[in-house]
């Protein structure tokens, strides 16, 4: 495995841990159950540019994220409750969302550092729609 896939995997692990911690008291975005996963509203496979977008990734239970394939209708309702309709509509209408994003070393190292620092400083209750 080259360095970029390793960095991408590490960034995803750190980011997902941050999301689960941020949302631990909120419960699953789709159903309210205890959180097991960090689930993407717009999937990272189809929308790679949104992989680390905080609004797009929220705490989910294993049932909704895995067995119900995201439980997207209820996920969207949860997003509207959490962030407001305008933010959700902006996420959904993002013209860059379908462009495949090739992550580079500097971006991934910055993501790793940001979410390590966020976790350490307990700033995990924030939620913006920045990409990194």
C-alpha atoms as a PDB file:
ATOM      1  CA  UNK A   1       0.000   0.000   0.000  1.00  0.00           C
ATOM      2  CA  UNK A   2       1.372   3.421  -0.886  1.00  0.00           C
ATOM      3  CA  UNK A   3       1.485   6.296   1.551  1.00  0.00           C
ATOM      4  CA  UNK A   4      -1.703   8.012   0.316  1.00  0.00           C
ATOM      5  CA  UNK A   5      -4.022   5.038   0.964  1.00  0.00           C
ATOM      6  CA  UNK A   6      -2.487   4.640   4.433  1.00  0.00           C
ATOM      7  CA  UNK A   7      -2.980   8.335   5.183  1.00  0.00           C
ATOM      8  CA  UNK A   8      -6.538   8.208   3.842  1.00  0.00           C
ATOM      9  CA  UNK A   9      -7.348   5.242   6.082  1.00  0.00           C
ATOM     10  CA  UNK A  10      -5.790   6.957   9.103  1.00  0.00           C
ATOM     11  CA  UNK A  11      -7.642  10.220   8.383  1.00  0.00           C
ATOM     12  CA  UNK A  12     -10.921   8.310   8.075  1.00  0.00           C
ATOM     13  CA  UNK A  13     -10.377   6.517  11.397  1.00  0.00           C
ATOM     14  CA  UNK A  14      -9.547   9.750  13.245  1.00  0.00           C
ATOM     15  CA  UNK A  15     -12.366  11.715  11.599  1.00  0.00           C
ATOM     16  CA  UNK A  16     -14.933   8.966  12.277  1.00  0.00           C
ATOM     17  CA  UNK A  17     -13.857   8.782  15.941  1.00  0.00           C
ATOM     18  CA  UNK A  18     -14.302  12.557  16.190  1.00  0.00           C
ATOM     19  CA  UNK A  19     -17.799  12.331  14.646  1.00  0.00           C
ATOM     20  CA  UNK A  20     -18.847   9.554  17.030  1.00  0.00           C
ATOM     21  CA  UNK A  21     -17.592  11.575  19.993  1.00  0.00           C
ATOM     22  CA  UNK A  22     -19.222  14.792  18.731  1.00  0.00           C
ATOM     23  CA  UNK A  23     -22.579  13.062  18.342  1.00  0.00           C
ATOM     24  CA  UNK A  24     -22.442  10.590  21.246  1.00  0.00           C
ATOM     25  CA  UNK A  25     -25.069  12.442  23.291  1.00  0.00           C
ATOM     26  CA  UNK A  26     -27.315  13.010  20.263  1.00  0.00           C
ATOM     27  CA  UNK A  27     -27.869   9.401  19.223  1.00  0.00           C
ATOM     28  CA  UNK A  28     -28.253   8.103  15.695  1.00  0.00           C
ATOM     29  CA  UNK A  29     -29.094  10.872  13.214  1.00  0.00           C
ATOM     30  CA  UNK A  30     -31.689   8.575  11.624  1.00  0.00           C
ATOM     31  CA  UNK A  31     -33.420   6.892  14.582  1.00  0.00           C
ATOM     32  CA  UNK A  32     -31.954   8.170  17.866  1.00  0.00           C
ATOM     33  CA  UNK A  33     -30.406   4.839  18.980  1.00  0.00           C
ATOM     34  CA  UNK A  34     -26.912   4.619  20.458  1.00  0.00           C
ATOM     35  CA  UNK A  35     -24.130   5.444  18.007  1.00  0.00           C
ATOM     36  CA  UNK A  36     -21.835   2.745  16.620  1.00  0.00           C
ATOM     37  CA  UNK A  37     -20.735   4.347  13.348  1.00  0.00           C
ATOM     38  CA  UNK A  38     -20.005   7.621  11.604  1.00  0.00           C
ATOM     39  CA  UNK A  39     -22.395   7.419   8.655  1.00  0.00           C
ATOM     40  CA  UNK A  40     -22.269   9.494   5.471  1.00  0.00           C
ATOM     41  CA  UNK A  41     -25.473  11.048   4.127  1.00  0.00           C
ATOM     42  CA  UNK A  42     -23.973  11.364   0.647  1.00  0.00           C
ATOM     43  CA  UNK A  43     -21.789   8.261   0.386  1.00  0.00           C
ATOM     44  CA  UNK A  44     -18.035   8.585   0.287  1.00  0.00           C
ATOM     45  CA  UNK A  45     -17.948   6.149  -2.626  1.00  0.00           C
ATOM     46  CA  UNK A  46     -20.072   8.362  -4.866  1.00  0.00           C
ATOM     47  CA  UNK A  47     -19.188  11.745  -3.362  1.00  0.00           C
ATOM     48  CA  UNK A  48     -15.507  11.505  -2.463  1.00  0.00           C
ATOM     49  CA  UNK A  49     -15.137  15.292  -2.191  1.00  0.00           C
ATOM     50  CA  UNK A  50     -17.588  15.200   0.750  1.00  0.00           C
ATOM     51  CA  UNK A  51     -15.833  12.380   2.594  1.00  0.00           C
ATOM     52  CA  UNK A  52     -14.629  14.654   5.434  1.00  0.00           C
ATOM     53  CA  UNK A  53     -17.433  17.235   5.333  1.00  0.00           C
ATOM     54  CA  UNK A  54     -18.730  17.489   8.892  1.00  0.00           C
ATOM     55  CA  UNK A  55     -22.387  18.101   7.972  1.00  0.00           C
ATOM     56  CA  UNK A  56     -22.337  15.081   5.658  1.00  0.00           C
ATOM     57  CA  UNK A  57     -21.056  12.673   8.332  1.00  0.00           C
ATOM     58  CA  UNK A  58     -22.999  12.048  11.510  1.00  0.00           C
ATOM     59  CA  UNK A  59     -23.324   9.461  14.227  1.00  0.00           C
ATOM     60  CA  UNK A  60     -25.409   6.456  13.252  1.00  0.00           C
ATOM     61  CA  UNK A  61     -26.335   3.124  14.752  1.00  0.00           C
ATOM     62  CA  UNK A  62     -25.189  -0.053  13.026  1.00  0.00           C
ATOM     63  CA  UNK A  63     -28.769  -0.896  12.018  1.00  0.00           C
ATOM     64  CA  UNK A  64     -29.385   2.362  10.138  1.00  0.00           C
ATOM     65  CA  UNK A  65     -25.913   2.701   8.639  1.00  0.00           C
ATOM     66  CA  UNK A  66     -25.348  -0.906   7.602  1.00  0.00           C
ATOM     67  CA  UNK A  67     -28.576  -2.877   7.480  1.00  0.00           C
ATOM     68  CA  UNK A  68     -30.835  -0.019   6.318  1.00  0.00           C
ATOM     69  CA  UNK A  69     -28.163   1.361   3.938  1.00  0.00           C
ATOM     70  CA  UNK A  70     -28.055   4.699   5.732  1.00  0.00           C
ATOM     71  CA  UNK A  71     -31.804   4.979   6.402  1.00  0.00           C
ATOM     72  CA  UNK A  72     -31.539   8.059   4.192  1.00  0.00           C
ATOM     73  CA  UNK A  73     -35.091   9.401   4.450  1.00  0.00           C
ATOM     74  CA  UNK A  74     -34.793   9.576   8.231  1.00  0.00           C
ATOM     75  CA  UNK A  75     -31.143  10.667   7.949  1.00  0.00           C
ATOM     76  CA  UNK A  76     -32.263  13.715   5.942  1.00  0.00           C
ATOM     77  CA  UNK A  77     -34.966  14.526   8.499  1.00  0.00           C
ATOM     78  CA  UNK A  78     -32.308  14.321  11.215  1.00  0.00           C
ATOM     79  CA  UNK A  79     -29.991  16.601   9.238  1.00  0.00           C
ATOM     80  CA  UNK A  80     -32.734  19.207   8.889  1.00  0.00           C
ATOM     81  CA  UNK A  81     -33.393  19.054  12.649  1.00  0.00           C
ATOM     82  CA  UNK A  82     -29.684  19.293  13.453  1.00  0.00           C
ATOM     83  CA  UNK A  83     -28.455  21.850  10.911  1.00  0.00           C
ATOM     84  CA  UNK A  84     -31.535  23.403   9.287  1.00  0.00           C
ATOM     85  CA  UNK A  85     -33.081  22.992   5.841  1.00  0.00           C
ATOM     86  CA  UNK A  86     -30.870  25.624   4.204  1.00  0.00           C
ATOM     87  CA  UNK A  87     -27.658  23.824   5.188  1.00  0.00           C
ATOM     88  CA  UNK A  88     -29.009  20.459   3.987  1.00  0.00           C
ATOM     89  CA  UNK A  89     -30.172  21.945   0.681  1.00  0.00           C
ATOM     90  CA  UNK A  90     -26.748  23.545   0.196  1.00  0.00           C
ATOM     91  CA  UNK A  91     -25.093  20.159   0.806  1.00  0.00           C
ATOM     92  CA  UNK A  92     -27.439  18.439  -1.647  1.00  0.00           C
ATOM     93  CA  UNK A  93     -27.026  21.082  -4.343  1.00  0.00           C
ATOM     94  CA  UNK A  94     -23.245  21.357  -4.050  1.00  0.00           C
ATOM     95  CA  UNK A  95     -22.124  21.284  -7.694  1.00  0.00           C
ATOM     96  CA  UNK A  96     -18.698  19.948  -6.711  1.00  0.00           C
ATOM     97  CA  UNK A  97     -20.137  16.971  -4.866  1.00  0.00           C
ATOM     98  CA  UNK A  98     -20.044  14.577  -7.844  1.00  0.00           C
ATOM     99  CA  UNK A  99     -16.495  15.464  -8.846  1.00  0.00           C
ATOM    100  CA  UNK A 100     -14.123  12.695  -7.816  1.00  0.00           C
ATOM    101  CA  UNK A 101     -11.608  14.077  -5.351  1.00  0.00           C
ATOM    102  CA  UNK A 102      -8.074  12.754  -5.300  1.00  0.00           C
ATOM    103  CA  UNK A 103      -6.773  13.354  -1.784  1.00  0.00           C
ATOM    104  CA  UNK A 104      -3.141  14.403  -1.506  1.00  0.00           C
ATOM    105  CA  UNK A 105      -0.657  14.018   1.324  1.00  0.00           C
ATOM    106  CA  UNK A 106      -0.941  17.612   2.584  1.00  0.00           C
ATOM    107  CA  UNK A 107      -4.752  17.514   2.726  1.00  0.00           C
ATOM    108  CA  UNK A 108      -4.783  14.212   4.569  1.00  0.00           C
ATOM    109  CA  UNK A 109      -2.083  15.250   7.033  1.00  0.00           C
ATOM    110  CA  UNK A 110      -4.047  18.447   7.727  1.00  0.00           C
ATOM    111  CA  UNK A 111      -7.245  16.451   8.332  1.00  0.00           C
ATOM    112  CA  UNK A 112      -5.424  14.066  10.651  1.00  0.00           C
ATOM    113  CA  UNK A 113      -3.909  16.927  12.628  1.00  0.00           C
ATOM    114  CA  UNK A 114      -7.164  18.919  12.796  1.00  0.00           C
ATOM    115  CA  UNK A 115      -9.265  16.087  14.185  1.00  0.00           C
ATOM    116  CA  UNK A 116      -6.542  14.897  16.559  1.00  0.00           C
ATOM    117  CA  UNK A 117      -6.387  18.455  17.920  1.00  0.00           C
ATOM    118  CA  UNK A 118     -10.189  18.760  18.048  1.00  0.00           C
ATOM    119  CA  UNK A 119     -10.422  15.525  19.996  1.00  0.00           C
ATOM    120  CA  UNK A 120      -7.727  16.616  22.448  1.00  0.00           C
ATOM    121  CA  UNK A 121      -9.223  20.050  23.031  1.00  0.00           C
ATOM    122  CA  UNK A 122     -12.794  18.708  23.378  1.00  0.00           C
ATOM    123  CA  UNK A 123     -14.100  21.005  20.657  1.00  0.00           C
ATOM    124  CA  UNK A 124     -16.136  18.052  19.474  1.00  0.00           C
ATOM    125  CA  UNK A 125     -19.551  19.721  19.790  1.00  0.00           C
ATOM    126  CA  UNK A 126     -19.030  21.968  16.752  1.00  0.00           C
ATOM    127  CA  UNK A 127     -20.416  21.166  13.358  1.00  0.00           C
ATOM    128  CA  UNK A 128     -19.726  23.127  10.240  1.00  0.00           C
ATOM    129  CA  UNK A 129     -19.827  22.265   6.618  1.00  0.00           C
ATOM    130  CA  UNK A 130     -16.164  22.719   5.831  1.00  0.00           C
ATOM    131  CA  UNK A 131     -14.407  19.988   3.923  1.00  0.00           C
ATOM    132  CA  UNK A 132     -11.557  19.559   6.311  1.00  0.00           C
END
